[in-house]
Amino acid sequence: MSFKKNVQKISADNVAAIIRGSEFPDEYVVLTAHLDHVGTQMEIYTMVLMTMAQELLQCLK
């Protein structure tokens, strides 16, 4: 498995990223978070999503 990392800091309402694998380049795992739900702290969902992405990247190493 291989991947190419290209990170840019931007200001956006929606963020998307693709990590294309070498073994299954046409298959996807989609991670999403609902960031503007009423009555909850929005930062929690962002934190959970970023932690999941970080753990997945660790699995690729």
N, C-alpha and C. Protein backbone atom coordinates (compact mmCIF):
# COMPACT_ATOMS: atom_id res chain seq x y z
N MET A 1 0.84 -1.15 0.00
CA MET A 1 0.00 0.00 0.00
C MET A 1 0.89 1.23 0.00
N SER A 2 0.50 2.22 -0.76
CA SER A 2 1.26 3.47 -0.79
C SER A 2 0.30 4.64 -0.84
N PHE A 3 0.77 5.81 -0.42
CA PHE A 3 -0.05 7.00 -0.51
C PHE A 3 0.84 8.21 -0.65
N LYS A 4 0.27 9.27 -1.21
CA LYS A 4 0.97 10.53 -1.40
C LYS A 4 0.29 11.56 -0.51
N LYS A 5 1.07 12.32 0.23
CA LYS A 5 0.52 13.29 1.18
C LYS A 5 0.73 14.70 0.65
N ASN A 6 -0.34 15.45 0.52
CA ASN A 6 -0.30 16.84 0.10
C ASN A 6 -1.27 17.60 1.00
N VAL A 7 -0.75 18.40 1.92
CA VAL A 7 -1.58 19.09 2.90
C VAL A 7 -1.50 20.59 2.68
N GLN A 8 -2.66 21.23 2.67
CA GLN A 8 -2.73 22.69 2.55
C GLN A 8 -3.69 23.20 3.61
N LYS A 9 -3.35 24.31 4.25
CA LYS A 9 -4.24 24.93 5.22
C LYS A 9 -5.16 25.90 4.48
N ILE A 10 -6.47 25.69 4.62
CA ILE A 10 -7.45 26.53 3.95
C ILE A 10 -8.59 26.83 4.92
N SER A 11 -9.38 27.83 4.60
CA SER A 11 -10.60 28.13 5.34
C SER A 11 -11.78 27.68 4.48
N ALA A 12 -12.56 26.74 5.00
CA ALA A 12 -13.66 26.20 4.20
C ALA A 12 -14.75 25.65 5.11
N ASP A 13 -15.97 25.63 4.59
CA ASP A 13 -17.08 25.03 5.32
C ASP A 13 -17.07 23.52 5.18
N ASN A 14 -16.63 23.03 4.04
CA ASN A 14 -16.57 21.59 3.77
C ASN A 14 -15.14 21.22 3.39
N VAL A 15 -14.70 20.09 3.86
CA VAL A 15 -13.34 19.63 3.58
C VAL A 15 -13.42 18.21 3.05
N ALA A 16 -12.64 17.91 2.02
CA ALA A 16 -12.58 16.56 1.46
C ALA A 16 -11.13 16.18 1.26
N ALA A 17 -10.85 14.90 1.41
CA ALA A 17 -9.49 14.39 1.20
C ALA A 17 -9.59 13.00 0.60
N ILE A 18 -8.63 12.67 -0.24
CA ILE A 18 -8.57 11.34 -0.85
C ILE A 18 -7.19 10.76 -0.59
N ILE A 19 -7.15 9.56 -0.07
CA ILE A 19 -5.91 8.80 0.05
C ILE A 19 -6.10 7.58 -0.84
N ARG A 20 -5.50 7.62 -2.02
CA ARG A 20 -5.69 6.54 -2.99
C ARG A 20 -4.70 5.41 -2.68
N GLY A 21 -5.21 4.21 -2.48
CA GLY A 21 -4.37 3.06 -2.19
C GLY A 21 -3.80 2.46 -3.46
N SER A 22 -2.72 1.73 -3.34
CA SER A 22 -2.11 1.10 -4.51
C SER A 22 -2.78 -0.23 -4.83
N GLU A 23 -3.33 -0.90 -3.82
CA GLU A 23 -3.93 -2.21 -4.05
C GLU A 23 -5.38 -2.11 -4.53
N PHE A 24 -6.15 -1.18 -3.96
CA PHE A 24 -7.55 -0.99 -4.34
C PHE A 24 -7.82 0.49 -4.61
N PRO A 25 -7.26 1.05 -5.68
CA PRO A 25 -7.37 2.50 -5.91
C PRO A 25 -8.78 2.98 -6.22
N ASP A 26 -9.68 2.09 -6.61
CA ASP A 26 -11.04 2.51 -6.96
C ASP A 26 -12.06 2.23 -5.84
N GLU A 27 -11.58 1.84 -4.66
CA GLU A 27 -12.47 1.61 -3.52
C GLU A 27 -12.27 2.72 -2.50
N TYR A 28 -13.34 3.05 -1.77
CA TYR A 28 -13.31 4.20 -0.88
C TYR A 28 -13.82 3.86 0.51
N VAL A 29 -13.30 4.55 1.49
CA VAL A 29 -13.84 4.59 2.84
C VAL A 29 -14.19 6.05 3.08
N VAL A 30 -15.43 6.33 3.42
CA VAL A 30 -15.88 7.71 3.59
C VAL A 30 -16.09 7.98 5.08
N LEU A 31 -15.44 9.01 5.58
CA LEU A 31 -15.62 9.46 6.96
C LEU A 31 -16.28 10.83 6.92
N THR A 32 -17.34 11.02 7.67
CA THR A 32 -18.02 12.31 7.69
C THR A 32 -18.35 12.71 9.12
N ALA A 33 -18.59 13.98 9.31
CA ALA A 33 -19.03 14.49 10.60
C ALA A 33 -20.03 15.61 10.34
N HIS A 34 -21.09 15.62 11.13
CA HIS A 34 -22.10 16.68 11.04
C HIS A 34 -21.65 17.80 11.97
N LEU A 35 -21.21 18.91 11.41
CA LEU A 35 -20.54 19.94 12.19
C LEU A 35 -21.45 21.00 12.79
N ASP A 36 -22.71 21.08 12.37
CA ASP A 36 -23.55 22.19 12.84
C ASP A 36 -24.85 21.70 13.48
N HIS A 37 -24.78 20.64 14.25
CA HIS A 37 -25.98 20.12 14.89
C HIS A 37 -26.37 20.99 16.08
N VAL A 38 -27.64 21.28 16.20
CA VAL A 38 -28.14 22.15 17.26
C VAL A 38 -28.06 21.44 18.61
N GLY A 39 -27.60 22.15 19.62
CA GLY A 39 -27.61 21.62 20.97
C GLY A 39 -26.38 20.82 21.38
N THR A 40 -25.39 20.74 20.52
CA THR A 40 -24.17 20.02 20.89
C THR A 40 -22.96 20.89 20.57
N GLN A 41 -21.84 20.49 21.10
CA GLN A 41 -20.61 21.22 20.81
C GLN A 41 -20.06 20.73 19.48
N MET A 42 -20.00 21.63 18.51
CA MET A 42 -19.57 21.27 17.16
C MET A 42 -18.14 20.74 17.12
N GLU A 43 -17.29 21.23 18.00
CA GLU A 43 -15.88 20.86 17.97
C GLU A 43 -15.67 19.37 18.24
N ILE A 44 -16.58 18.74 18.96
CA ILE A 44 -16.44 17.33 19.29
C ILE A 44 -16.42 16.49 18.02
N TYR A 45 -17.32 16.76 17.09
CA TYR A 45 -17.41 15.97 15.87
C TYR A 45 -16.16 16.15 15.01
N THR A 46 -15.66 17.35 14.94
CA THR A 46 -14.43 17.60 14.20
C THR A 46 -13.28 16.85 14.83
N MET A 47 -13.19 16.88 16.15
CA MET A 47 -12.12 16.19 16.86
C MET A 47 -12.18 14.68 16.62
N VAL A 48 -13.37 14.11 16.69
CA VAL A 48 -13.52 12.67 16.47
C VAL A 48 -13.12 12.31 15.05
N LEU A 49 -13.57 13.08 14.07
CA LEU A 49 -13.24 12.81 12.67
C LEU A 49 -11.73 12.91 12.43
N MET A 50 -11.10 13.94 12.97
CA MET A 50 -9.66 14.11 12.78
C MET A 50 -8.88 12.99 13.48
N THR A 51 -9.35 12.55 14.64
CA THR A 51 -8.70 11.44 15.34
C THR A 51 -8.81 10.15 14.54
N MET A 52 -9.98 9.90 13.96
CA MET A 52 -10.15 8.72 13.12
C MET A 52 -9.22 8.76 11.92
N ALA A 53 -9.11 9.91 11.27
CA ALA A 53 -8.23 10.05 10.11
C ALA A 53 -6.77 9.83 10.52
N GLN A 54 -6.40 10.37 11.66
CA GLN A 54 -5.03 10.21 12.15
C GLN A 54 -4.72 8.73 12.44
N GLU A 55 -5.65 8.01 13.02
CA GLU A 55 -5.45 6.59 13.30
C GLU A 55 -5.35 5.78 12.02
N LEU A 56 -6.17 6.12 11.02
CA LEU A 56 -6.08 5.43 9.73
C LEU A 56 -4.72 5.66 9.08
N LEU A 57 -4.21 6.87 9.15
CA LEU A 57 -2.88 7.15 8.59
C LEU A 57 -1.80 6.36 9.30
N GLN A 58 -1.94 6.19 10.61
CA GLN A 58 -0.97 5.38 11.36
C GLN A 58 -0.98 3.93 10.88
N CYS A 59 -2.15 3.43 10.50
CA CYS A 59 -2.25 2.06 9.98
C CYS A 59 -1.53 1.92 8.64
N LEU A 60 -1.44 3.00 7.88
CA LEU A 60 -0.77 2.95 6.58
C LEU A 60 0.75 2.95 6.69
N LYS A 61 1.27 3.36 7.83
CA LYS A 61 2.73 3.46 8.00
C LYS A 61 3.35 2.10 8.23
